[in-house]
PDB file of all heavy atoms in Angstrom:
ATOM      1  N   GLN A   1     -22.238 -20.843  47.160  1.00  0.00           N
ATOM      2  CA  GLN A   1     -22.123 -21.651  45.943  1.00  0.00           C
ATOM      3  C   GLN A   1     -23.441 -21.685  45.179  1.00  0.00           C
ATOM      4  O   GLN A   1     -23.456 -21.680  43.946  1.00  0.00           O
ATOM      5  CB  GLN A   1     -21.677 -23.069  46.314  1.00  0.00           C
ATOM      6  CG  GLN A   1     -20.225 -23.150  46.756  1.00  0.00           C
ATOM      7  CD  GLN A   1     -19.871 -24.473  47.415  1.00  0.00           C
ATOM      8  OE1 GLN A   1     -20.694 -25.389  47.470  1.00  0.00           O
ATOM      9  NE2 GLN A   1     -18.656 -24.564  47.941  1.00  0.00           N
ATOM     10  N   SER A   2     -24.567 -21.696  45.930  1.00  0.00           N
ATOM     11  CA  SER A   2     -25.869 -21.689  45.273  1.00  0.00           C
ATOM     12  C   SER A   2     -26.119 -20.375  44.533  1.00  0.00           C
ATOM     13  O   SER A   2     -26.947 -20.310  43.623  1.00  0.00           O
ATOM     14  CB  SER A   2     -26.985 -21.925  46.297  1.00  0.00           C
ATOM     15  OG  SER A   2     -27.134 -20.811  47.164  1.00  0.00           O
ATOM     16  N   LYS A   3     -25.387 -19.329  44.947  1.00  0.00           N
ATOM     17  CA  LYS A   3     -25.479 -18.025  44.287  1.00  0.00           C
ATOM     18  C   LYS A   3     -24.373 -17.848  43.248  1.00  0.00           C
ATOM     19  O   LYS A   3     -24.145 -16.739  42.764  1.00  0.00           O
ATOM     20  CB  LYS A   3     -25.393 -16.910  45.327  1.00  0.00           C
ATOM     21  CG  LYS A   3     -26.519 -16.917  46.347  1.00  0.00           C
ATOM     22  CD  LYS A   3     -26.293 -15.866  47.418  1.00  0.00           C
ATOM     23  CE  LYS A   3     -27.379 -15.911  48.482  1.00  0.00           C
ATOM     24  NZ  LYS A   3     -27.124 -14.929  49.584  1.00  0.00           N
ATOM     25  N   ASN A   4     -23.671 -18.957  42.950  1.00  0.00           N
ATOM     26  CA  ASN A   4     -22.587 -18.960  41.964  1.00  0.00           C
ATOM     27  C   ASN A   4     -21.396 -18.093  42.407  1.00  0.00           C
ATOM     28  O   ASN A   4     -20.707 -17.504  41.576  1.00  0.00           O
ATOM     29  CB  ASN A   4     -23.090 -18.497  40.592  1.00  0.00           C
ATOM     30  CG  ASN A   4     -22.243 -19.052  39.460  1.00  0.00           C
ATOM     31  OD1 ASN A   4     -21.682 -20.143  39.576  1.00  0.00           O
ATOM     32  ND2 ASN A   4     -22.139 -18.307  38.378  1.00  0.00           N
ATOM     33  N   ILE A   5     -21.187 -18.020  43.731  1.00  0.00           N
ATOM     34  CA  ILE A   5     -20.008 -17.340  44.280  1.00  0.00           C
ATOM     35  C   ILE A   5     -18.963 -18.404  44.559  1.00  0.00           C
ATOM     36  O   ILE A   5     -19.201 -19.339  45.336  1.00  0.00           O
ATOM     37  CB  ILE A   5     -20.346 -16.574  45.576  1.00  0.00           C
ATOM     38  CG1 ILE A   5     -21.422 -15.527  45.311  1.00  0.00           C
ATOM     39  CG2 ILE A   5     -19.097 -15.918  46.158  1.00  0.00           C
ATOM     40  CD1 ILE A   5     -21.937 -14.838  46.566  1.00  0.00           C
ATOM     41  N   HIS A   6     -17.817 -18.281  43.934  1.00  0.00           N
ATOM     42  CA  HIS A   6     -16.764 -19.282  44.060  1.00  0.00           C
ATOM     43  C   HIS A   6     -15.605 -18.700  44.869  1.00  0.00           C
ATOM     44  O   HIS A   6     -14.866 -17.837  44.394  1.00  0.00           O
ATOM     45  CB  HIS A   6     -16.290 -19.736  42.679  1.00  0.00           C
ATOM     46  CG  HIS A   6     -17.395 -20.303  41.833  1.00  0.00           C
ATOM     47  ND1 HIS A   6     -17.962 -21.530  42.082  1.00  0.00           N
ATOM     48  CD2 HIS A   6     -18.065 -19.776  40.763  1.00  0.00           C
ATOM     49  CE1 HIS A   6     -18.913 -21.769  41.201  1.00  0.00           C
ATOM     50  NE2 HIS A   6     -19.002 -20.718  40.388  1.00  0.00           N
ATOM     51  N   ASP A   7     -15.461 -19.164  46.088  1.00  0.00           N
ATOM     52  CA  ASP A   7     -14.412 -18.668  46.978  1.00  0.00           C
ATOM     53  C   ASP A   7     -13.133 -19.470  46.818  1.00  0.00           C
ATOM     54  O   ASP A   7     -13.145 -20.650  46.450  1.00  0.00           O
ATOM     55  CB  ASP A   7     -14.890 -18.739  48.432  1.00  0.00           C
ATOM     56  CG  ASP A   7     -16.107 -17.859  48.680  1.00  0.00           C
ATOM     57  OD1 ASP A   7     -15.968 -16.629  48.556  1.00  0.00           O
ATOM     58  OD2 ASP A   7     -17.193 -18.392  48.981  1.00  0.00           O
ATOM     59  N   THR A   8     -12.016 -18.822  47.130  1.00  0.00           N
ATOM     60  CA  THR A   8     -10.707 -19.455  47.011  1.00  0.00           C
ATOM     61  C   THR A   8     -10.469 -20.399  48.186  1.00  0.00           C
ATOM     62  O   THR A   8     -10.646 -20.009  49.341  1.00  0.00           O
ATOM     63  CB  THR A   8      -9.594 -18.394  46.981  1.00  0.00           C
ATOM     64  OG1 THR A   8      -9.837 -17.494  45.888  1.00  0.00           O
ATOM     65  CG2 THR A   8      -8.223 -19.029  46.824  1.00  0.00           C
ATOM     66  N   MET A   9     -10.071 -21.638  47.889  1.00  0.00           N
ATOM     67  CA  MET A   9      -9.809 -22.600  48.956  1.00  0.00           C
ATOM     68  C   MET A   9      -8.595 -22.186  49.779  1.00  0.00           C
ATOM     69  O   MET A   9      -8.617 -22.230  51.004  1.00  0.00           O
ATOM     70  CB  MET A   9      -9.586 -23.995  48.358  1.00  0.00           C
ATOM     71  CG  MET A   9      -9.308 -25.071  49.409  1.00  0.00           C
ATOM     72  SD  MET A   9     -10.681 -25.293  50.586  1.00  0.00           S
ATOM     73  CE  MET A   9     -11.918 -25.999  49.508  1.00  0.00           C
ATOM     74  N   GLY A  10      -7.526 -21.772  49.114  1.00  0.00           N
ATOM     75  CA  GLY A  10      -6.313 -21.356  49.822  1.00  0.00           C
ATOM     76  C   GLY A  10      -5.436 -22.532  50.194  1.00  0.00           C
ATOM     77  O   GLY A  10      -5.796 -23.699  50.020  1.00  0.00           O
ATOM     78  N   ASN A  11      -4.255 -22.220  50.725  1.00  0.00           N
ATOM     79  CA  ASN A  11      -3.286 -23.255  51.071  1.00  0.00           C
ATOM     80  C   ASN A  11      -3.691 -24.004  52.331  1.00  0.00           C
ATOM     81  O   ASN A  11      -4.311 -23.447  53.233  1.00  0.00           O
ATOM     82  CB  ASN A  11      -1.908 -22.631  51.289  1.00  0.00           C
ATOM     83  CG  ASN A  11      -1.351 -22.005  50.032  1.00  0.00           C
ATOM     84  OD1 ASN A  11      -1.615 -22.483  48.919  1.00  0.00           O
ATOM     85  ND2 ASN A  11      -0.590 -20.938  50.173  1.00  0.00           N
ATOM     86  N   ASP A  12      -3.312 -25.283  52.375  1.00  0.00           N
ATOM     87  CA  ASP A  12      -3.449 -26.055  53.599  1.00  0.00           C
ATOM     88  C   ASP A  12      -2.153 -25.911  54.398  1.00  0.00           C
ATOM     89  O   ASP A  12      -1.180 -25.323  53.916  1.00  0.00           O
ATOM     90  CB  ASP A  12      -3.720 -27.527  53.266  1.00  0.00           C
ATOM     91  CG  ASP A  12      -4.451 -28.254  54.385  1.00  0.00           C
ATOM     92  OD1 ASP A  12      -4.476 -27.709  55.509  1.00  0.00           O
ATOM     93  OD2 ASP A  12      -4.987 -29.334  54.138  1.00  0.00           O
ATOM     94  N   ALA A  13      -2.134 -26.439  55.605  1.00  0.00           N
ATOM     95  CA  ALA A  13      -0.943 -26.327  56.448  1.00  0.00           C
ATOM     96  C   ALA A  13       0.198 -27.156  55.871  1.00  0.00           C
ATOM     97  O   ALA A  13      -0.011 -28.281  55.400  1.00  0.00           O
ATOM     98  CB  ALA A  13      -1.258 -26.782  57.870  1.00  0.00           C
ATOM     99  N   THR A  14       1.397 -26.597  55.894  1.00  0.00           N
ATOM    100  CA  THR A  14       2.583 -27.318  55.443  1.00  0.00           C
ATOM    101  C   THR A  14       2.934 -28.398  56.466  1.00  0.00           C
ATOM    102  O   THR A  14       3.074 -28.086  57.655  1.00  0.00           O
ATOM    103  CB  THR A  14       3.776 -26.365  55.286  1.00  0.00           C
ATOM    104  OG1 THR A  14       3.419 -25.311  54.379  1.00  0.00           O
ATOM    105  CG2 THR A  14       4.999 -27.099  54.775  1.00  0.00           C
ATOM    106  N   PRO A  15       3.064 -29.656  56.050  1.00  0.00           N
ATOM    107  CA  PRO A  15       3.400 -30.720  57.011  1.00  0.00           C
ATOM    108  C   PRO A  15       4.763 -30.474  57.656  1.00  0.00           C
ATOM    109  O   PRO A  15       5.708 -30.010  57.004  1.00  0.00           O
ATOM    110  CB  PRO A  15       3.423 -31.986  56.152  1.00  0.00           C
ATOM    111  CG  PRO A  15       2.625 -31.645  54.939  1.00  0.00           C
ATOM    112  CD  PRO A  15       2.861 -30.186  54.690  1.00  0.00           C
ATOM    113  N   LEU A  16       4.871 -30.777  58.943  1.00  0.00           N
ATOM    114  CA  LEU A  16       6.137 -30.670  59.645  1.00  0.00           C
ATOM    115  C   LEU A  16       7.004 -31.882  59.325  1.00  0.00           C
ATOM    116  O   LEU A  16       6.481 -32.960  59.030  1.00  0.00           O
ATOM    117  CB  LEU A  16       5.915 -30.590  61.153  1.00  0.00           C
ATOM    118  CG  LEU A  16       5.220 -29.336  61.690  1.00  0.00           C
ATOM    119  CD1 LEU A  16       4.936 -29.490  63.181  1.00  0.00           C
ATOM    120  CD2 LEU A  16       6.041 -28.093  61.436  1.00  0.00           C
ATOM    121  N   PRO A  17       8.317 -31.734  59.394  1.00  0.00           N
ATOM    122  CA  PRO A  17       9.192 -32.904  59.214  1.00  0.00           C
ATOM    123  C   PRO A  17       8.834 -34.002  60.213  1.00  0.00           C
ATOM    124  O   PRO A  17       8.425 -33.718  61.344  1.00  0.00           O
ATOM    125  CB  PRO A  17      10.589 -32.333  59.488  1.00  0.00           C
ATOM    126  CG  PRO A  17      10.470 -30.870  59.177  1.00  0.00           C
ATOM    127  CD  PRO A  17       9.077 -30.486  59.573  1.00  0.00           C
ATOM    128  N   ALA A  18       8.996 -35.254  59.800  1.00  0.00           N
ATOM    129  CA  ALA A  18       8.588 -36.395  60.623  1.00  0.00           C
ATOM    130  C   ALA A  18       9.304 -36.435  61.966  1.00  0.00           C
ATOM    131  O   ALA A  18       8.756 -36.933  62.950  1.00  0.00           O
ATOM    132  CB  ALA A  18       8.822 -37.689  59.854  1.00  0.00           C
ATOM    133  N   ASN A  19      10.512 -35.918  62.020  1.00  0.00           N
ATOM    134  CA  ASN A  19      11.300 -35.993  63.256  1.00  0.00           C
ATOM    135  C   ASN A  19      11.170 -34.738  64.118  1.00  0.00           C
ATOM    136  O   ASN A  19      11.984 -34.500  65.019  1.00  0.00           O
ATOM    137  CB  ASN A  19      12.775 -36.235  62.933  1.00  0.00           C
ATOM    138  CG  ASN A  19      13.378 -35.111  62.091  1.00  0.00           C
ATOM    139  OD1 ASN A  19      12.641 -34.278  61.547  1.00  0.00           O
ATOM    140  ND2 ASN A  19      14.702 -35.082  61.971  1.00  0.00           N
ATOM    141  N   THR A  20      10.146 -33.893  63.879  1.00  0.00           N
ATOM    142  CA  THR A  20       9.973 -32.662  64.650  1.00  0.00           C
ATOM    143  C   THR A  20       9.683 -32.969  66.116  1.00  0.00           C
ATOM    144  O   THR A  20       8.790 -33.760  66.431  1.00  0.00           O
ATOM    145  CB  THR A  20       8.813 -31.820  64.084  1.00  0.00           C
ATOM    146  OG1 THR A  20       9.106 -31.467  62.732  1.00  0.00           O
ATOM    147  CG2 THR A  20       8.610 -30.546  64.906  1.00  0.00           C
ATOM    148  N   ASP A  21      10.449 -32.341  67.000  1.00  0.00           N
ATOM    149  CA  ASP A  21      10.181 -32.418  68.448  1.00  0.00           C
ATOM    150  C   ASP A  21       9.174 -31.324  68.758  1.00  0.00           C
ATOM    151  O   ASP A  21       9.527 -30.171  68.944  1.00  0.00           O
ATOM    152  CB  ASP A  21      11.484 -32.206  69.232  1.00  0.00           C
ATOM    153  CG  ASP A  21      11.307 -32.373  70.737  1.00  0.00           C
ATOM    154  OD1 ASP A  21      10.163 -32.219  71.225  1.00  0.00           O
ATOM    155  OD2 ASP A  21      12.302 -32.631  71.435  1.00  0.00           O
ATOM    156  N   ILE A  22       7.887 -31.685  68.800  1.00  0.00           N
ATOM    157  CA  ILE A  22       6.828 -30.689  68.905  1.00  0.00           C
ATOM    158  C   ILE A  22       6.857 -29.970  70.248  1.00  0.00           C
ATOM    159  O   ILE A  22       6.502 -28.789  70.327  1.00  0.00           O
ATOM    160  CB  ILE A  22       5.444 -31.334  68.637  1.00  0.00           C
ATOM    161  CG1 ILE A  22       4.426 -30.268  68.216  1.00  0.00           C
ATOM    162  CG2 ILE A  22       4.974 -32.142  69.814  1.00  0.00           C
ATOM    163  CD1 ILE A  22       4.718 -29.612  66.897  1.00  0.00           C
ATOM    164  N   LEU A  23       7.286 -30.642  71.300  1.00  0.00           N
ATOM    165  CA  LEU A  23       7.396 -29.985  72.605  1.00  0.00           C
ATOM    166  C   LEU A  23       8.489 -28.934  72.578  1.00  0.00           C
ATOM    167  O   LEU A  23       8.300 -27.811  73.064  1.00  0.00           O
ATOM    168  CB  LEU A  23       7.670 -31.017  73.703  1.00  0.00           C
ATOM    169  CG  LEU A  23       7.894 -30.440  75.110  1.00  0.00           C
ATOM    170  CD1 LEU A  23       6.683 -29.647  75.580  1.00  0.00           C
ATOM    171  CD2 LEU A  23       8.218 -31.565  76.091  1.00  0.00           C
ATOM    172  N   ALA A  24       9.627 -29.266  72.008  1.00  0.00           N
ATOM    173  CA  ALA A  24      10.730 -28.306  71.914  1.00  0.00           C
ATOM    174  C   ALA A  24      10.339 -27.125  71.025  1.00  0.00           C
ATOM    175  O   ALA A  24      10.630 -25.969  71.345  1.00  0.00           O
ATOM    176  CB  ALA A  24      11.982 -28.991  71.376  1.00  0.00           C
ATOM    177  N   LEU A  25       9.660 -27.422  69.906  1.00  0.00           N
ATOM    178  CA  LEU A  25       9.219 -26.353  69.010  1.00  0.00           C
ATOM    179  C   LEU A  25       8.241 -25.428  69.722  1.00  0.00           C
ATOM    180  O   LEU A  25       8.375 -24.206  69.679  1.00  0.00           O
ATOM    181  CB  LEU A  25       8.553 -26.964  67.770  1.00  0.00           C
ATOM    182  CG  LEU A  25       7.874 -25.976  66.809  1.00  0.00           C
ATOM    183  CD1 LEU A  25       8.892 -25.013  66.227  1.00  0.00           C
ATOM    184  CD2 LEU A  25       7.145 -26.722  65.698  1.00  0.00           C
ATOM    185  N   GLY A  26       7.245 -26.015  70.369  1.00  0.00           N
ATOM    186  CA  GLY A  26       6.251 -25.212  71.070  1.00  0.00           C
ATOM    187  C   GLY A  26       6.841 -24.398  72.200  1.00  0.00           C
ATOM    188  O   GLY A  26       6.416 -23.259  72.436  1.00  0.00           O
ATOM    189  N   THR A  27       7.810 -24.956  72.891  1.00  0.00           N
ATOM    190  CA  THR A  27       8.463 -24.220  73.979  1.00  0.00           C
ATOM    191  C   THR A  27       9.196 -23.003  73.441  1.00  0.00           C
ATOM    192  O   THR A  27       9.135 -21.916  74.030  1.00  0.00           O
ATOM    193  CB  THR A  27       9.451 -25.135  74.728  1.00  0.00           C
ATOM    194  OG1 THR A  27       8.732 -26.257  75.261  1.00  0.00           O
ATOM    195  CG2 THR A  27      10.134 -24.389  75.867  1.00  0.00           C
ATOM    196  N   ARG A  28       9.863 -23.158  72.292  1.00  0.00           N
ATOM    197  CA  ARG A  28      10.560 -22.030  71.674  1.00  0.00           C
ATOM    198  C   ARG A  28       9.580 -20.946  71.242  1.00  0.00           C
ATOM    199  O   ARG A  28       9.808 -19.753  71.474  1.00  0.00           O
ATOM    200  CB  ARG A  28      11.392 -22.496  70.470  1.00  0.00           C
ATOM    201  CG  ARG A  28      12.625 -23.293  70.816  1.00  0.00           C
ATOM    202  CD  ARG A  28      13.566 -23.400  69.626  1.00  0.00           C
ATOM    203  NE  ARG A  28      12.950 -24.061  68.476  1.00  0.00           N
ATOM    204  CZ  ARG A  28      12.961 -25.380  68.288  1.00  0.00           C
ATOM    205  NH1 ARG A  28      13.533 -26.184  69.163  1.00  0.00           N
ATOM    206  NH2 ARG A  28      12.412 -25.901  67.200  1.00  0.00           N
TER     207      ARG A  28
END
C-alpha cells in the first residue's frame, strides 16, 4: 500500500444456514 499497490480484497466466506449440522456436513 505504501508503494500504491492496491490488491483485491476478494470474497469472504458465505455464511452457513443457522440450522447446519456441522458434524454431519463434515462427516460427508
